[in-house]
Structures are given as structure tokens and as C-alpha cells.
Amino acid sequence: MRRQFLHALAGAALLATAASASAQSRTPIRFVVPYPAGGAADQITRLVANEAAQVLGTPIVIDNKAGAAGMIAAETALRADADGHTFFVGSNAPMVINQAIYAKMAYNPEKDFVPVVGMGKSPLLLVTRGNLGAKNVAEFIALAKKSDTGFTMGSASSGNITHLAGESASRAMGFRVTHVPFSGSAPAITSMLGNNIDIMFDALPSCLQQAKAGRIVPLAILDGKRFPQIPEVPTLAEAGFPGNEASAWFGVMARAGTPQAAIDSLNKAVNEAFKRPDLVTRLNNIGAQPMPGSPQAFGSFIAEERARWIPLAKSLGIKAD
């Protein structure tokens, strides 16, 4: 009887340990997103996270922390324990451009974060309010040059790629803009729908449906080729201004010190998710392309972005508003 009791006790201990490990594996993972719901970052993250969570068998919770060109979200992620349960959704501004336009930052993008995996990349689209009066780039430039006050240009935030690429492309076309930053693309597009801002160089997921519905006017895409969902819209190069390609991109970053096993597990899950044709189709339908690959490949991509955009931001003299 004593031996049976000891066997039963040991079995119960094993079951308790297994249950504890199972419960820990189901501890939700948090993705801290630097922009509000409805914008490109939010849409792409939710699509990819939903599929990756199914692969992992672990829920992924989206935590939108908008403001300060993504720096509020970055600092939020850095305050969390480096235990593999909190990740940051990095993008052009907080991981690259902010280094050039902010005099001080509370974190170092190159030292405080490590790459996990890319999620989505989307070319920018030049759009105008519906009643601006231009149907193509040539008419748009003519209006811009005639305007006494110039155009107001909305962006997802100061330092966001929609700000920097807009400043660069508008100067290439021969006019200046008055920058109006918002706390994300979604509120900027809402303002444009109310005719409160004139133009925007926005990521496709935030503006594609409004453009296709005719509520705003798409003039040119800042990419090397036309986008399949709006094939009638020319590239800016086709309109006579090559060399202005720009995309918004979003990927998962981990706080430095996060266990490599957690990084590798999430990377594998996202790459497995990209093998699902339905996910790729849904990304394409909102104007995005998947970014599969290793942590090292994503890190190399970010390094290339820094080499291009940081010098450009400094040459344009852009500072955070």
C-alpha cells in the first residue's frame, strides 16, 4: 500500500509539472504596435499574428500604443520582461528614421532591439482629397505650382515614412508642402475624407479601399511597378519622377536579451504562416506583400533601410514636429 501511494504521488507530481508547462506555453504573447487600429501596421500585424498564433497554439494579443513616431510603443516593449512574451512591431520610423530627426531618444534601435521576422511591406500611394481637382500627376503639379498657400500634406506621424517620402517626392516634383502629422494613417485618411488636408503619401492598406471607392484620388504609386489591386494607377517613375520608390514595412522585434529559443520559435511560426495561401492573398488584397525569412535576413533589410533613409532625412533637414 505504501509503495502504491508513493507511485500515485509521483504520478500526480508529473501531471502537475506537465500541466504547469502546458499552461505556460499558452501564456499569451503580446505584440506592441506603434500605431492605432485601422492603419497599415495594425492590419498587417493582425493578419499575420492570427495565423502565427494558430501555428504556435498560443494566443497573440495586439496592444496598440500610438504616438511619438512609434517611440511610446518601443519604450513600452522595453519595459516588459525579456521573457519571450512581449514583442515590438518595428517599422520605418522607430527602427530607422527617428535616429535622424530626433535630437534625443529614450532607446537605441540598434542595441536595444534584435530582429525576429518581417511581416509585411507595402508601397506608398500618392493620394489627394476628392475635390482637389487633379486626375493625374501632371495636373496635380500644375495645381501645386499655382497655389498661393501650397498643399497640406498629412502623415502617419512626424518621421514616419509617409512623412519623409512625401517631403522627398514633393520636392522632386518641384513644390513644397505644409506637413500635418497625425497619430497614425487611419486618422490622417479620415481627415482627408473631410477635406481637411490636401494630399498624402500613404501605405496601401490604409488608403486602398477608399481610393478604389473613389472617395480619395490615387495619382501614383511609389514603387518600381504597378500594384495588381490598382493596375490603372501609374508609378511615379512613369509619371516622370524616377528614384522615389518608398514602402512602409512592419516586422517583429524582440527586446535584447530575449531567449533565442523564443525568437526562433516565433520566426518559425510566422514563416509557416506565410506558407498558407489564404494569408498571402489577404495581405495582397489590402495592399501588402509578405516578408518571410530569418532573423538575420530581416536585420540585413533594416540595415539597408538605415543606409538609405537616415542620410536622406539629414540632407532634407527634416526634424520632428
Protein backbone atom coordinates (compact mmCIF):
# COMPACT_ATOMS: atom_id res chain seq x y z
CA MET A 1 0.00 0.00 0.00
CA ARG A 2 2.81 2.39 0.88
CA ARG A 3 4.51 1.65 -2.45
CA GLN A 4 1.27 2.27 -4.36
CA PHE A 5 0.78 5.55 -2.51
CA LEU A 6 4.30 6.71 -3.42
CA HIS A 7 3.75 5.76 -7.09
CA ALA A 8 0.47 7.68 -7.13
CA LEU A 9 2.14 10.70 -5.51
CA ALA A 10 4.94 10.69 -8.09
CA GLY A 11 2.40 10.40 -10.90
CA ALA A 12 0.45 13.33 -9.56
CA ALA A 13 3.64 15.41 -9.37
CA LEU A 14 4.43 14.60 -13.01
CA LEU A 15 0.92 15.56 -14.07
CA ALA A 16 1.17 18.83 -12.16
CA THR A 17 4.50 19.63 -13.82
CA ALA A 18 3.08 18.85 -17.27
CA ALA A 19 0.00 20.95 -16.58
CA SER A 20 2.19 23.83 -15.44
CA ALA A 21 4.33 23.62 -18.59
CA SER A 22 1.21 23.44 -20.77
CA ALA A 23 -0.29 26.47 -19.07
CA GLN A 24 2.97 28.38 -19.51
CA SER A 25 3.05 27.52 -23.23
CA ARG A 26 -0.41 29.07 -23.54
CA THR A 27 0.62 32.32 -21.86
CA PRO A 28 -0.42 34.97 -24.41
CA ILE A 29 2.23 36.68 -26.48
CA ARG A 30 1.87 40.45 -26.76
CA PHE A 31 2.67 42.41 -29.91
CA VAL A 32 3.07 46.13 -29.10
CA VAL A 33 2.04 48.03 -32.25
CA PRO A 34 3.25 51.64 -32.63
CA TYR A 35 0.15 52.90 -34.47
CA PRO A 36 -3.61 52.92 -33.83
CA ALA A 37 -6.16 50.39 -35.03
CA GLY A 38 -7.14 50.59 -38.68
CA GLY A 39 -3.80 51.65 -40.17
CA ALA A 40 -1.32 49.63 -42.21
CA ALA A 41 0.67 48.44 -39.18
CA ASP A 42 -2.44 47.26 -37.38
CA GLN A 43 -3.99 45.49 -40.37
CA ILE A 44 -0.83 43.66 -41.38
CA THR A 45 0.03 42.70 -37.80
CA ARG A 46 -3.43 41.30 -37.08
CA LEU A 47 -3.48 39.19 -40.24
CA VAL A 48 -0.03 37.71 -39.63
CA ALA A 49 -0.43 37.34 -35.86
CA ASN A 50 -3.71 35.45 -36.20
CA GLU A 51 -2.12 32.82 -38.45
CA ALA A 52 1.10 32.63 -36.43
CA ALA A 53 -0.92 32.11 -33.24
CA GLN A 54 -2.62 29.12 -34.83
CA VAL A 55 0.75 27.64 -35.74
CA LEU A 56 2.09 28.21 -32.22
CA GLY A 57 -1.05 27.14 -30.43
CA THR A 58 -0.60 30.27 -28.32
CA PRO A 59 -2.77 33.41 -28.48
CA ILE A 60 -1.15 36.64 -29.69
CA VAL A 61 -2.63 39.83 -28.25
CA ILE A 62 -2.35 43.12 -30.16
CA ASP A 63 -1.57 46.14 -28.00
CA ASN A 64 -1.83 49.44 -29.93
CA LYS A 65 0.35 52.17 -28.39
CA ALA A 66 0.29 55.10 -30.80
CA GLY A 67 2.27 58.30 -30.52
CA ALA A 68 5.70 59.92 -30.80
CA ALA A 69 6.58 58.25 -34.11
CA GLY A 70 6.45 54.80 -32.56
CA MET A 71 8.64 55.64 -29.58
CA ILE A 72 5.88 55.20 -26.98
CA ALA A 73 5.34 51.64 -28.18
CA ALA A 74 9.07 50.95 -28.29
CA GLU A 75 9.54 52.13 -24.73
CA THR A 76 6.51 50.08 -23.63
CA ALA A 77 8.06 46.94 -25.11
CA LEU A 78 11.40 47.68 -23.47
CA ARG A 79 9.78 47.99 -20.04
CA ALA A 80 8.44 44.45 -20.31
CA ASP A 81 10.45 41.45 -19.17
CA ALA A 82 12.69 39.91 -21.83
CA ASP A 83 10.97 36.56 -21.36
CA GLY A 84 9.68 35.93 -24.87
CA HIS A 85 6.11 37.02 -24.18
CA THR A 86 6.32 40.66 -25.34
CA PHE A 87 7.49 41.76 -28.78
CA PHE A 88 7.59 45.09 -30.59
CA VAL A 89 6.24 45.66 -34.09
CA GLY A 90 9.08 47.63 -35.62
CA SER A 91 8.67 49.84 -38.68
CA ASN A 92 10.45 52.54 -40.69
CA ALA A 93 10.15 55.33 -38.11
CA PRO A 94 11.00 53.79 -34.72
CA MET A 95 13.70 51.48 -36.11
CA VAL A 96 15.28 53.78 -38.71
CA ILE A 97 14.17 57.35 -39.38
CA ASN A 98 13.82 58.58 -35.80
CA GLN A 99 17.59 58.32 -35.42
CA ALA A 100 17.97 61.12 -37.95
CA ILE A 101 15.23 63.53 -36.90
CA TYR A 102 15.10 63.35 -33.10
CA ALA A 103 17.83 65.01 -31.05
CA LYS A 104 17.23 62.57 -28.18
CA MET A 105 15.70 59.12 -27.98
CA ALA A 106 14.99 57.03 -24.89
CA TYR A 107 16.20 53.87 -26.62
CA ASN A 108 18.81 52.77 -29.15
CA PRO A 109 17.14 50.95 -32.07
CA GLU A 110 20.34 49.12 -32.97
CA LYS A 111 21.27 47.96 -29.45
CA ASP A 112 18.01 47.63 -27.52
CA PHE A 113 16.15 45.50 -30.07
CA VAL A 114 17.00 42.43 -32.13
CA PRO A 115 15.16 41.33 -35.29
CA VAL A 116 12.79 38.38 -35.23
CA VAL A 117 10.98 38.31 -38.58
CA GLY A 118 9.47 40.59 -41.19
CA MET A 119 5.69 40.61 -41.57
CA GLY A 120 4.62 42.89 -44.39
CA LYS A 121 5.79 45.52 -46.82
CA SER A 122 3.57 47.98 -48.66
CA PRO A 123 4.42 50.62 -51.30
CA LEU A 124 3.23 54.17 -50.72
CA LEU A 125 0.48 55.73 -52.82
CA LEU A 126 0.14 59.43 -53.59
CA VAL A 127 -3.49 60.32 -52.92
CA THR A 128 -5.42 63.60 -52.83
CA ARG A 129 -8.73 64.72 -51.41
CA GLY A 130 -11.60 64.07 -53.79
CA ASN A 131 -12.31 67.70 -54.65
CA LEU A 132 -8.74 68.85 -55.23
CA GLY A 133 -9.30 68.82 -58.99
CA ALA A 134 -6.36 66.77 -60.30
CA LYS A 135 -6.80 63.50 -62.16
CA ASN A 136 -3.13 62.76 -62.84
CA VAL A 137 0.34 63.79 -61.70
CA ALA A 138 0.76 66.48 -64.37
CA GLU A 139 -2.49 68.22 -63.36
CA PHE A 140 -1.55 67.81 -59.71
CA ILE A 141 1.83 69.53 -60.16
CA ALA A 142 0.21 72.36 -62.14
CA LEU A 143 -2.23 72.98 -59.28
CA ALA A 144 0.56 72.83 -56.71
CA LYS A 145 2.63 75.42 -58.52
CA LYS A 146 -0.35 77.76 -58.94
CA SER A 147 -1.36 77.57 -55.29
CA ASP A 148 -0.53 80.62 -53.20
CA THR A 149 -0.59 78.70 -49.94
CA GLY A 150 0.70 75.32 -51.14
CA PHE A 151 -0.69 71.94 -50.23
CA THR A 152 -1.12 70.48 -46.77
CA MET A 153 0.36 67.00 -46.53
CA GLY A 154 -0.85 64.57 -43.89
CA SER A 155 1.33 61.80 -42.49
CA ALA A 156 1.03 58.95 -40.01
CA SER A 157 3.40 60.88 -37.70
CA SER A 158 6.49 63.05 -37.80
CA GLY A 159 9.35 60.93 -39.05
CA ASN A 160 7.10 58.21 -40.40
CA ILE A 161 7.95 57.01 -43.90
CA THR A 162 4.76 58.72 -45.09
CA HIS A 163 6.34 61.99 -43.90
CA LEU A 164 9.89 61.52 -45.15
CA ALA A 165 8.99 60.02 -48.54
CA GLY A 166 6.33 62.70 -49.01
CA GLU A 167 8.80 65.50 -48.36
CA SER A 168 11.35 63.93 -50.70
CA ALA A 169 8.93 63.18 -53.55
CA SER A 170 7.16 66.55 -53.39
CA ARG A 171 10.49 68.38 -53.63
CA ALA A 172 11.46 66.17 -56.57
CA MET A 173 8.24 67.27 -58.26
CA GLY A 174 9.08 70.91 -57.67
CA PHE A 175 6.85 72.12 -54.85
CA ARG A 176 6.81 72.33 -51.07
CA VAL A 177 4.16 71.15 -48.63
CA THR A 178 2.97 72.08 -45.17
CA HIS A 179 3.31 68.96 -43.05
CA VAL A 180 0.39 67.95 -40.83
CA PRO A 181 1.26 64.95 -38.63
CA PHE A 182 -1.35 62.61 -37.18
CA SER A 183 -1.19 59.73 -34.72
CA GLY A 184 -1.49 57.16 -37.48
CA SER A 185 -2.60 56.74 -41.09
CA ALA A 186 -6.22 55.99 -40.25
CA PRO A 187 -6.92 59.39 -38.62
CA ALA A 188 -5.00 61.13 -41.42
CA ILE A 189 -7.17 59.49 -44.08
CA THR A 190 -10.28 60.37 -42.07
CA SER A 191 -9.15 63.99 -42.11
CA MET A 192 -8.62 63.83 -45.86
CA LEU A 193 -12.14 62.44 -46.32
CA GLY A 194 -13.33 65.55 -44.50
CA ASN A 195 -11.31 67.72 -46.94
CA ASN A 196 -9.10 68.98 -44.12
CA ILE A 197 -5.78 68.01 -45.75
CA ASP A 198 -4.88 68.04 -49.44
CA ILE A 199 -2.51 65.16 -50.08
CA MET A 200 -0.85 62.16 -48.50
CA PHE A 201 1.80 59.61 -49.44
CA ASP A 202 0.23 56.70 -47.62
CA ALA A 203 0.79 52.96 -47.30
CA LEU A 204 -1.71 51.00 -49.37
CA PRO A 205 -3.50 49.14 -46.55
CA SER A 206 -4.64 52.46 -45.06
CA CYS A 207 -5.94 54.05 -48.24
CA LEU A 208 -6.53 51.36 -50.88
CA GLN A 209 -10.23 50.78 -50.23
CA GLN A 210 -11.01 54.49 -50.05
CA ALA A 211 -9.14 55.02 -53.32
CA LYS A 212 -10.92 52.16 -55.07
CA ALA A 213 -14.25 53.53 -53.85
CA GLY A 214 -13.46 56.95 -55.35
CA ARG A 215 -13.56 58.82 -52.03
CA ILE A 216 -9.95 59.94 -52.50
CA VAL A 217 -7.96 60.18 -55.73
CA PRO A 218 -4.95 57.91 -56.33
CA LEU A 219 -2.37 59.56 -58.60
CA ALA A 220 0.79 57.48 -58.49
CA ILE A 221 2.39 54.58 -56.66
CA LEU A 222 5.91 54.93 -55.27
CA ASP A 223 7.14 51.55 -56.42
CA GLY A 224 9.07 50.01 -59.30
CA LYS A 225 5.91 48.52 -60.78
CA ARG A 226 2.17 49.00 -60.68
CA PHE A 227 0.25 47.24 -57.95
CA PRO A 228 -2.14 44.44 -59.07
CA GLN A 229 -5.09 45.71 -56.99
CA ILE A 230 -4.98 49.13 -58.70
CA PRO A 231 -3.33 48.45 -62.09
CA GLU A 232 -4.69 51.67 -63.61
CA VAL A 233 -2.56 53.82 -61.29
CA PRO A 234 0.89 54.54 -62.78
CA THR A 235 4.15 54.53 -60.89
CA LEU A 236 5.69 57.89 -60.05
CA ALA A 237 8.56 56.93 -62.38
CA GLU A 238 6.07 56.50 -65.24
CA ALA A 239 4.81 59.99 -64.44
CA GLY A 240 8.32 61.33 -64.96
CA PHE A 241 9.88 61.16 -61.49
CA PRO A 242 12.02 58.03 -61.07
CA GLY A 243 14.02 57.20 -57.98
CA ASN A 244 11.29 57.95 -55.43
CA GLU A 245 10.29 54.41 -54.52
CA ALA A 246 9.22 54.04 -50.89
CA SER A 247 7.46 51.40 -48.84
CA ALA A 248 6.13 51.07 -45.34
CA TRP A 249 7.29 47.88 -43.68
CA PHE A 250 6.49 46.12 -40.43
CA GLY A 251 8.20 43.30 -38.61
CA VAL A 252 8.63 41.72 -35.21
CA MET A 253 11.45 42.91 -32.94
CA ALA A 254 12.46 41.47 -29.57
CA ARG A 255 13.99 43.23 -26.63
CA ALA A 256 17.72 42.49 -26.43
CA GLY A 257 18.22 39.60 -24.03
CA THR A 258 15.12 37.71 -25.12
CA PRO A 259 15.84 33.95 -25.14
CA GLN A 260 16.94 32.81 -28.60
CA ALA A 261 14.53 29.89 -28.38
CA ALA A 262 11.58 32.30 -28.15
CA ILE A 263 12.89 34.30 -31.13
CA ASP A 264 13.41 31.18 -33.23
CA SER A 265 10.00 29.78 -32.29
CA LEU A 266 8.16 32.94 -33.34
CA ASN A 267 10.23 33.27 -36.51
CA LYS A 268 9.36 29.71 -37.47
CA ALA A 269 5.66 30.26 -36.75
CA VAL A 270 5.44 33.39 -38.91
CA ASN A 271 7.31 31.72 -41.77
CA GLU A 272 4.99 28.73 -41.53
CA ALA A 273 2.02 31.11 -41.62
CA PHE A 274 3.30 32.63 -44.86
CA LYS A 275 3.04 29.18 -46.46
CA ARG A 276 -0.72 29.44 -46.14
CA PRO A 277 -2.03 30.79 -49.48
CA ASP A 278 -5.03 32.41 -47.82
CA LEU A 279 -2.79 34.66 -45.70
CA VAL A 280 -0.77 35.80 -48.72
CA THR A 281 -3.99 36.52 -50.63
CA ARG A 282 -5.42 38.57 -47.78
CA LEU A 283 -2.20 40.55 -47.45
CA ASN A 284 -2.17 41.24 -51.19
CA ASN A 285 -5.83 42.30 -51.09
CA ILE A 286 -5.09 45.05 -48.57
CA GLY A 287 -2.00 46.19 -50.47
CA ALA A 288 0.83 44.35 -48.71
CA GLN A 289 3.38 41.69 -49.51
CA PRO A 290 4.75 39.11 -47.03
CA MET A 291 8.32 39.39 -45.74
CA PRO A 292 9.42 35.84 -44.85
CA GLY A 293 12.95 34.99 -43.83
CA SER A 294 15.38 34.50 -40.97
CA PRO A 295 16.11 36.99 -38.18
CA GLN A 296 19.44 37.67 -39.89
CA ALA A 297 17.73 38.45 -43.20
CA PHE A 298 15.34 40.88 -41.52
CA GLY A 299 18.27 42.50 -39.73
CA SER A 300 20.10 42.98 -43.04
CA PHE A 301 17.00 44.56 -44.55
CA ILE A 302 16.78 47.07 -41.68
CA ALA A 303 20.47 47.90 -42.09
CA GLU A 304 19.87 48.67 -45.78
CA GLU A 305 16.94 50.91 -44.85
CA ARG A 306 19.15 52.82 -42.41
CA ALA A 307 21.80 53.29 -45.07
CA ARG A 308 19.24 54.86 -47.41
CA TRP A 309 16.85 56.87 -45.27
CA ILE A 310 18.99 58.31 -42.48
CA PRO A 311 21.29 60.25 -44.84
CA LEU A 312 18.25 61.38 -46.87
CA ALA A 313 16.44 62.67 -43.77
CA LYS A 314 19.54 64.60 -42.73
CA SER A 315 20.04 66.05 -46.22
CA LEU A 316 16.46 67.30 -46.29
CA GLY A 317 16.89 68.90 -42.88
CA ILE A 318 13.76 67.20 -41.54
CA LYS A 319 13.28 67.44 -37.79
CA ALA A 320 10.47 66.06 -35.64
CA ASP A 321 7.49 68.43 -35.37
